[in-house]
C-alpha atoms as a PDB file:
ATOM      1  CA  MET A   1     -29.518   7.514 -13.544  1.00  0.00           C
ATOM      2  CA  SER A   2     -26.738   8.730 -11.259  1.00  0.00           C
ATOM      3  CA  ASP A   3     -23.155   9.599 -12.196  1.00  0.00           C
ATOM      4  CA  ARG A   4     -22.009   8.356  -8.810  1.00  0.00           C
ATOM      5  CA  ILE A   5     -18.673   6.512  -8.854  1.00  0.00           C
ATOM      6  CA  ILE A   6     -18.601   3.181  -7.058  1.00  0.00           C
ATOM      7  CA  ARG A   7     -15.154   2.393  -5.663  1.00  0.00           C
ATOM      8  CA  ALA A   8     -13.647  -1.073  -5.213  1.00  0.00           C
ATOM      9  CA  SER A   9     -13.683  -0.638  -1.433  1.00  0.00           C
ATOM     10  CA  GLU A  10     -17.402   0.037  -1.623  1.00  0.00           C
ATOM     11  CA  ILE A  11     -17.937  -3.191  -3.553  1.00  0.00           C
ATOM     12  CA  GLY A  12     -15.964  -4.979  -0.841  1.00  0.00           C
ATOM     13  CA  GLN A  13     -18.146  -3.381   1.819  1.00  0.00           C
ATOM     14  CA  TYR A  14     -21.290  -4.435  -0.054  1.00  0.00           C
ATOM     15  CA  ASP A  15     -19.958  -7.978  -0.460  1.00  0.00           C
ATOM     16  CA  PHE A  16     -19.151  -8.164   3.260  1.00  0.00           C
ATOM     17  CA  CYS A  17     -22.515  -6.759   4.416  1.00  0.00           C
ATOM     18  CA  ALA A  18     -25.068  -5.435   1.963  1.00  0.00           C
ATOM     19  CA  LYS A  19     -27.204  -3.972   4.748  1.00  0.00           C
ATOM     20  CA  ALA A  20     -24.272  -1.989   6.205  1.00  0.00           C
ATOM     21  CA  TRP A  21     -23.495  -0.698   2.716  1.00  0.00           C
ATOM     22  CA  TRP A  22     -27.132   0.337   2.222  1.00  0.00           C
ATOM     23  CA  LEU A  23     -27.336   2.087   5.597  1.00  0.00           C
ATOM     24  CA  HIS A  24     -24.159   4.054   4.934  1.00  0.00           C
ATOM     25  CA  SER A  25     -24.307   4.717   1.176  1.00  0.00           C
ATOM     26  CA  VAL A  26     -28.039   5.132   0.607  1.00  0.00           C
ATOM     27  CA  GLU A  27     -29.450   6.137   3.989  1.00  0.00           C
ATOM     28  CA  GLY A  28     -26.390   8.180   4.984  1.00  0.00           C
ATOM     29  CA  LEU A  29     -26.215   6.732   8.488  1.00  0.00           C
ATOM     30  CA  PRO A  30     -22.790   6.711  10.162  1.00  0.00           C
ATOM     31  CA  SER A  31     -21.215   3.436  11.217  1.00  0.00           C
ATOM     32  CA  ALA A  32     -21.571   2.339  14.820  1.00  0.00           C
ATOM     33  CA  ASN A  33     -17.938   1.188  14.675  1.00  0.00           C
ATOM     34  CA  VAL A  34     -16.239   4.537  14.108  1.00  0.00           C
ATOM     35  CA  ARG A  35     -13.480   3.897  16.650  1.00  0.00           C
ATOM     36  CA  GLU A  36     -12.668   0.469  15.219  1.00  0.00           C
ATOM     37  CA  MET A  37     -12.598   1.910  11.691  1.00  0.00           C
ATOM     38  CA  GLN A  38     -10.210   4.671  12.814  1.00  0.00           C
ATOM     39  CA  ILE A  39      -7.940   2.067  14.416  1.00  0.00           C
ATOM     40  CA  GLY A  40      -8.047   0.010  11.211  1.00  0.00           C
ATOM     41  CA  GLN A  41      -7.314   3.031   9.054  1.00  0.00           C
ATOM     42  CA  ALA A  42      -4.320   3.932  11.241  1.00  0.00           C
ATOM     43  CA  ALA A  43      -3.043   0.341  10.967  1.00  0.00           C
ATOM     44  CA  HIS A  44      -3.383   0.441   7.165  1.00  0.00           C
ATOM     45  CA  GLU A  45      -1.511   3.753   7.028  1.00  0.00           C
ATOM     46  CA  ARG A  46       1.321   2.306   9.153  1.00  0.00           C
ATOM     47  CA  HIS A  47       1.473  -0.744   6.920  1.00  0.00           C
ATOM     48  CA  GLY A  48       1.549   1.450   3.806  1.00  0.00           C
ATOM     49  CA  ARG A  49       4.504   3.407   5.208  1.00  0.00           C
ATOM     50  CA  GLN A  50       6.308   0.134   5.984  1.00  0.00           C
ATOM     51  CA  VAL A  51       5.715  -1.133   2.442  1.00  0.00           C
ATOM     52  CA  SER A  52       7.045   2.138   0.981  1.00  0.00           C
ATOM     53  CA  ARG A  53      10.098   1.982   3.229  1.00  0.00           C
ATOM     54  CA  ALA A  54      10.746  -1.640   2.218  1.00  0.00           C
ATOM     55  CA  ALA A  55      10.542  -0.704  -1.481  1.00  0.00           C
ATOM     56  CA  LEU A  56      13.056   2.105  -0.977  1.00  0.00           C
ATOM     57  CA  LEU A  57      15.410  -0.221   0.904  1.00  0.00           C
ATOM     58  CA  GLN A  58      15.118  -2.786  -1.868  1.00  0.00           C
ATOM     59  CA  GLN A  59      15.985  -0.162  -4.491  1.00  0.00           C
ATOM     60  CA  GLY A  60      18.950   0.925  -2.381  1.00  0.00           C
ATOM     61  CA  ALA A  61      20.137  -2.672  -2.112  1.00  0.00           C
ATOM     62  CA  VAL A  62      19.981  -3.103  -5.891  1.00  0.00           C
ATOM     63  CA  LEU A  63      21.975   0.108  -6.405  1.00  0.00           C
ATOM     64  CA  LEU A  64      24.597  -1.044  -3.900  1.00  0.00           C
ATOM     65  CA  LEU A  65      24.835  -4.417  -5.637  1.00  0.00           C
ATOM     66  CA  ILE A  66      25.335  -2.728  -9.017  1.00  0.00           C
ATOM     67  CA  ALA A  67      27.974  -0.421  -7.529  1.00  0.00           C
ATOM     68  CA  GLY A  68      29.746  -3.437  -6.004  1.00  0.00           C
ATOM     69  CA  VAL A  69      29.813  -5.292  -9.316  1.00  0.00           C
ATOM     70  CA  ILE A  70      31.170  -2.194 -11.082  1.00  0.00           C
ATOM     71  CA  LEU A  71      33.871  -1.717  -8.429  1.00  0.00           C
ATOM     72  CA  LEU A  72      34.818  -5.400  -8.639  1.00  0.00           C
ATOM     73  CA  ALA A  73      35.098  -5.157 -12.429  1.00  0.00           C
ATOM     74  CA  ILE A  74      37.280  -2.029 -12.137  1.00  0.00           C
ATOM     75  CA  PHE A  75      39.484  -3.753  -9.565  1.00  0.00           C
ATOM     76  CA  LEU A  76      39.901  -6.867 -11.692  1.00  0.00           C
ATOM     77  CA  LEU A  77      40.608  -4.878 -14.842  1.00  0.00           C
ATOM     78  CA  SER A  78      43.123  -2.593 -13.131  1.00  0.00           C
ATOM     79  CA  ASN A  79      45.064  -5.586 -11.727  1.00  0.00           C
ATOM     80  CA  GLY A  80      45.177  -7.316 -15.093  1.00  0.00           C
ATOM     81  CA  LEU A  81      43.072 -10.299 -14.075  1.00  0.00           C
END
């Protein structure tokens, strides 16, 4: 029995095409679609950076909203409202 770890992406590859999974994982043959896979990987990396940037912008927006509420409260309290 092998201690080999099977990753979720590998299960997805097997589900998509069991023969392609077998040829790559068991037989060790490289994919015939190397260029397409590189293009896809680059697209996923770009998307990941965009998602990270969006999360940072969202956190910044929340901080600005909190700061605005605090400043409004200070303004109202200082003017006796």
